[in-house]
Amino acid sequence: ISSKARGTIHGTARVVVKVRVDKSGAVSSAVPASSPSHYFSDAAVKAAKQWDFTPAKISGQPVPSEWLVRFDFTSADTKVLPSQTKP
């Protein structure tokens, strides 16, 4: 995000993105699950769509998965915390 946008943050701007991942580990969709602003939501979704995930496996076979990826934007940096929700 731009330094100008970072300058508007007081505390933490937290955005959660719901990400669907295909069996190869590529992102098939990413949508905001919660966000304090449209700008930070768009930035988080754009970033999440560029990720590659390690494919989830069931019985040794790759399967699609779902994740919640939390972006914590502060005036100094951005922290990202992914959490697999399915399978």
N, C-alpha and C. Protein backbone atom coordinates (compact mmCIF):
# COMPACT_ATOMS: atom_id res chain seq x y z
N ILE A 1 0.84 -1.18 0.00
CA ILE A 1 0.00 0.00 0.00
C ILE A 1 0.88 1.23 0.00
N SER A 2 0.32 2.32 -0.39
CA SER A 2 1.11 3.55 -0.50
C SER A 2 1.46 4.09 0.88
N SER A 3 2.54 4.87 0.93
CA SER A 3 2.94 5.49 2.20
C SER A 3 1.88 6.50 2.65
N LYS A 4 1.20 7.11 1.70
CA LYS A 4 0.12 8.05 2.04
C LYS A 4 -1.01 7.31 2.76
N ALA A 5 -1.39 6.13 2.25
CA ALA A 5 -2.43 5.34 2.89
C ALA A 5 -1.97 4.85 4.25
N ARG A 6 -0.71 4.43 4.35
CA ARG A 6 -0.18 3.98 5.64
C ARG A 6 -0.26 5.09 6.68
N GLY A 7 -0.06 6.32 6.22
CA GLY A 7 -0.11 7.47 7.13
C GLY A 7 -1.49 7.72 7.71
N THR A 8 -2.52 7.14 7.13
CA THR A 8 -3.89 7.32 7.64
C THR A 8 -4.25 6.29 8.71
N ILE A 9 -3.39 5.30 8.91
CA ILE A 9 -3.69 4.22 9.85
C ILE A 9 -3.32 4.63 11.26
N HIS A 10 -4.28 4.51 12.16
CA HIS A 10 -4.04 4.71 13.59
C HIS A 10 -4.38 3.37 14.25
N GLY A 11 -3.36 2.69 14.74
CA GLY A 11 -3.57 1.34 15.27
C GLY A 11 -3.36 0.33 14.16
N THR A 12 -4.36 -0.55 13.96
CA THR A 12 -4.26 -1.61 12.96
C THR A 12 -5.51 -1.64 12.10
N ALA A 13 -5.32 -1.67 10.80
CA ALA A 13 -6.42 -1.88 9.86
C ALA A 13 -6.39 -3.37 9.52
N ARG A 14 -7.36 -4.12 10.03
CA ARG A 14 -7.37 -5.57 9.86
C ARG A 14 -8.34 -5.95 8.76
N VAL A 15 -7.84 -6.75 7.80
CA VAL A 15 -8.65 -7.23 6.69
C VAL A 15 -8.54 -8.75 6.67
N VAL A 16 -9.68 -9.44 6.55
CA VAL A 16 -9.68 -10.89 6.41
C VAL A 16 -10.20 -11.22 5.01
N VAL A 17 -9.43 -12.07 4.31
CA VAL A 17 -9.79 -12.47 2.95
C VAL A 17 -10.05 -13.98 2.94
N LYS A 18 -11.19 -14.37 2.37
CA LYS A 18 -11.49 -15.80 2.20
C LYS A 18 -10.91 -16.23 0.86
N VAL A 19 -10.03 -17.22 0.89
CA VAL A 19 -9.32 -17.66 -0.30
C VAL A 19 -9.66 -19.11 -0.59
N ARG A 20 -10.03 -19.38 -1.82
CA ARG A 20 -10.23 -20.76 -2.29
C ARG A 20 -9.02 -21.12 -3.14
N VAL A 21 -8.51 -22.32 -2.87
CA VAL A 21 -7.29 -22.79 -3.53
C VAL A 21 -7.60 -24.10 -4.25
N ASP A 22 -7.17 -24.20 -5.51
CA ASP A 22 -7.43 -25.44 -6.25
C ASP A 22 -6.43 -26.51 -5.82
N LYS A 23 -6.59 -27.71 -6.35
CA LYS A 23 -5.75 -28.82 -5.89
C LYS A 23 -4.29 -28.69 -6.30
N SER A 24 -3.97 -27.75 -7.19
CA SER A 24 -2.57 -27.52 -7.55
C SER A 24 -1.91 -26.51 -6.61
N GLY A 25 -2.72 -25.83 -5.77
CA GLY A 25 -2.18 -24.82 -4.85
C GLY A 25 -2.36 -23.40 -5.34
N ALA A 26 -2.96 -23.23 -6.51
CA ALA A 26 -3.20 -21.89 -7.06
C ALA A 26 -4.50 -21.31 -6.51
N VAL A 27 -4.52 -20.01 -6.32
CA VAL A 27 -5.73 -19.34 -5.83
C VAL A 27 -6.77 -19.32 -6.94
N SER A 28 -7.96 -19.83 -6.65
CA SER A 28 -9.05 -19.81 -7.63
C SER A 28 -10.00 -18.65 -7.37
N SER A 29 -10.09 -18.19 -6.11
CA SER A 29 -10.87 -17.00 -5.80
C SER A 29 -10.42 -16.41 -4.48
N ALA A 30 -10.61 -15.11 -4.35
CA ALA A 30 -10.29 -14.41 -3.11
C ALA A 30 -11.30 -13.28 -2.95
N VAL A 31 -11.99 -13.27 -1.83
CA VAL A 31 -13.00 -12.25 -1.55
C VAL A 31 -12.84 -11.76 -0.12
N PRO A 32 -13.11 -10.48 0.12
CA PRO A 32 -13.00 -9.99 1.49
C PRO A 32 -14.08 -10.59 2.39
N ALA A 33 -13.67 -11.02 3.58
CA ALA A 33 -14.61 -11.54 4.57
C ALA A 33 -14.95 -10.45 5.58
N SER A 34 -13.99 -9.56 5.84
CA SER A 34 -14.21 -8.40 6.69
C SER A 34 -13.14 -7.37 6.40
N SER A 35 -13.52 -6.10 6.49
CA SER A 35 -12.57 -5.04 6.19
C SER A 35 -13.09 -3.70 6.69
N PRO A 36 -12.18 -2.86 7.19
CA PRO A 36 -12.59 -1.53 7.63
C PRO A 36 -12.71 -0.53 6.48
N SER A 37 -12.14 -0.87 5.31
CA SER A 37 -12.20 0.08 4.19
C SER A 37 -12.06 -0.63 2.86
N HIS A 38 -12.63 -0.01 1.85
CA HIS A 38 -12.56 -0.54 0.50
C HIS A 38 -11.11 -0.57 -0.01
N TYR A 39 -10.34 0.47 0.28
CA TYR A 39 -8.95 0.56 -0.18
C TYR A 39 -8.13 -0.62 0.36
N PHE A 40 -8.18 -0.85 1.67
CA PHE A 40 -7.37 -1.91 2.26
C PHE A 40 -7.89 -3.28 1.85
N SER A 41 -9.20 -3.40 1.68
CA SER A 41 -9.78 -4.65 1.19
C SER A 41 -9.26 -4.99 -0.19
N ASP A 42 -9.28 -4.01 -1.10
CA ASP A 42 -8.77 -4.24 -2.45
C ASP A 42 -7.30 -4.63 -2.44
N ALA A 43 -6.50 -3.97 -1.61
CA ALA A 43 -5.07 -4.27 -1.54
C ALA A 43 -4.84 -5.70 -1.03
N ALA A 44 -5.61 -6.11 -0.02
CA ALA A 44 -5.45 -7.45 0.54
C ALA A 44 -5.88 -8.53 -0.46
N VAL A 45 -7.00 -8.32 -1.13
CA VAL A 45 -7.47 -9.29 -2.12
C VAL A 45 -6.46 -9.42 -3.26
N LYS A 46 -5.95 -8.28 -3.73
CA LYS A 46 -4.96 -8.30 -4.81
C LYS A 46 -3.72 -9.09 -4.39
N ALA A 47 -3.25 -8.89 -3.18
CA ALA A 47 -2.07 -9.61 -2.67
C ALA A 47 -2.37 -11.10 -2.53
N ALA A 48 -3.53 -11.44 -1.99
CA ALA A 48 -3.88 -12.85 -1.77
C ALA A 48 -3.95 -13.61 -3.09
N LYS A 49 -4.44 -12.97 -4.14
CA LYS A 49 -4.56 -13.63 -5.44
C LYS A 49 -3.20 -13.99 -6.03
N GLN A 50 -2.13 -13.37 -5.56
CA GLN A 50 -0.80 -13.65 -6.09
C GLN A 50 -0.09 -14.79 -5.36
N TRP A 51 -0.68 -15.29 -4.29
CA TRP A 51 -0.05 -16.34 -3.51
C TRP A 51 -0.15 -17.69 -4.20
N ASP A 52 0.78 -18.56 -3.86
CA ASP A 52 0.72 -19.98 -4.18
C ASP A 52 0.74 -20.72 -2.85
N PHE A 53 -0.13 -21.69 -2.70
CA PHE A 53 -0.23 -22.45 -1.47
C PHE A 53 0.28 -23.87 -1.70
N THR A 54 0.73 -24.50 -0.64
CA THR A 54 1.05 -25.92 -0.70
C THR A 54 -0.29 -26.65 -0.77
N PRO A 55 -0.48 -27.50 -1.77
CA PRO A 55 -1.77 -28.18 -1.91
C PRO A 55 -2.11 -29.01 -0.67
N ALA A 56 -3.37 -28.93 -0.26
CA ALA A 56 -3.86 -29.78 0.82
C ALA A 56 -3.97 -31.20 0.27
N LYS A 57 -3.82 -32.18 1.15
CA LYS A 57 -3.90 -33.58 0.71
C LYS A 57 -4.81 -34.37 1.62
N ILE A 58 -5.56 -35.25 1.01
CA ILE A 58 -6.35 -36.24 1.74
C ILE A 58 -5.97 -37.60 1.15
N SER A 59 -5.54 -38.50 2.01
CA SER A 59 -5.07 -39.83 1.60
C SER A 59 -3.98 -39.72 0.53
N GLY A 60 -3.12 -38.72 0.69
CA GLY A 60 -2.00 -38.53 -0.23
C GLY A 60 -2.34 -37.88 -1.55
N GLN A 61 -3.61 -37.54 -1.76
CA GLN A 61 -4.04 -36.93 -3.02
C GLN A 61 -4.33 -35.44 -2.81
N PRO A 62 -3.84 -34.59 -3.72
CA PRO A 62 -4.13 -33.16 -3.57
C PRO A 62 -5.62 -32.87 -3.74
N VAL A 63 -6.13 -31.95 -2.91
CA VAL A 63 -7.54 -31.57 -2.94
C VAL A 63 -7.64 -30.05 -2.82
N PRO A 64 -8.76 -29.48 -3.26
CA PRO A 64 -8.97 -28.04 -3.06
C PRO A 64 -9.04 -27.72 -1.56
N SER A 65 -8.75 -26.48 -1.22
CA SER A 65 -8.80 -26.06 0.18
C SER A 65 -9.33 -24.63 0.27
N GLU A 66 -9.67 -24.24 1.49
CA GLU A 66 -10.10 -22.86 1.76
C GLU A 66 -9.28 -22.32 2.91
N TRP A 67 -9.01 -21.03 2.83
CA TRP A 67 -8.18 -20.35 3.82
C TRP A 67 -8.82 -19.03 4.20
N LEU A 68 -8.56 -18.59 5.42
CA LEU A 68 -8.79 -17.21 5.82
C LEU A 68 -7.42 -16.60 5.99
N VAL A 69 -7.17 -15.53 5.26
CA VAL A 69 -5.87 -14.86 5.31
C VAL A 69 -6.10 -13.48 5.93
N ARG A 70 -5.51 -13.26 7.10
CA ARG A 70 -5.68 -11.99 7.81
C ARG A 70 -4.50 -11.08 7.52
N PHE A 71 -4.80 -9.88 7.08
CA PHE A 71 -3.81 -8.85 6.83
C PHE A 71 -3.95 -7.80 7.93
N ASP A 72 -2.87 -7.54 8.65
CA ASP A 72 -2.85 -6.49 9.66
C ASP A 72 -1.97 -5.36 9.14
N PHE A 73 -2.61 -4.30 8.67
CA PHE A 73 -1.90 -3.13 8.16
C PHE A 73 -1.69 -2.14 9.30
N THR A 74 -0.46 -1.69 9.48
CA THR A 74 -0.17 -0.63 10.45
C THR A 74 0.57 0.48 9.72
N SER A 75 0.83 1.55 10.44
CA SER A 75 1.56 2.65 9.80
C SER A 75 3.00 2.27 9.48
N ALA A 76 3.51 1.20 10.10
CA ALA A 76 4.91 0.79 9.89
C ALA A 76 5.06 -0.39 8.93
N ASP A 77 4.12 -1.37 8.97
CA ASP A 77 4.29 -2.56 8.14
C ASP A 77 2.98 -3.31 7.97
N THR A 78 3.08 -4.47 7.33
CA THR A 78 1.92 -5.35 7.13
C THR A 78 2.29 -6.75 7.57
N LYS A 79 1.45 -7.35 8.41
CA LYS A 79 1.64 -8.73 8.82
C LYS A 79 0.51 -9.55 8.21
N VAL A 80 0.85 -10.76 7.77
CA VAL A 80 -0.13 -11.64 7.13
C VAL A 80 -0.16 -12.96 7.90
N LEU A 81 -1.39 -13.38 8.26
CA LEU A 81 -1.56 -14.60 9.04
C LEU A 81 -2.57 -15.50 8.34
N PRO A 82 -2.08 -16.52 7.60
CA PRO A 82 -3.00 -17.45 6.93
C PRO A 82 -3.46 -18.56 7.87
N SER A 83 -4.70 -18.99 7.68
CA SER A 83 -5.25 -20.07 8.48
C SER A 83 -6.13 -20.95 7.58
N GLN A 84 -5.76 -22.21 7.45
CA GLN A 84 -6.54 -23.13 6.59
C GLN A 84 -7.83 -23.50 7.32
N THR A 85 -8.97 -23.39 6.61
CA THR A 85 -10.26 -23.72 7.21
C THR A 85 -10.87 -24.99 6.66
N LYS A 86 -10.52 -25.39 5.42
CA LYS A 86 -11.00 -26.63 4.81
C LYS A 86 -9.90 -27.21 3.96
N PRO A 87 -9.68 -28.46 3.79
CA PRO A 87 -10.31 -29.51 4.59
C PRO A 87 -9.78 -29.52 5.99
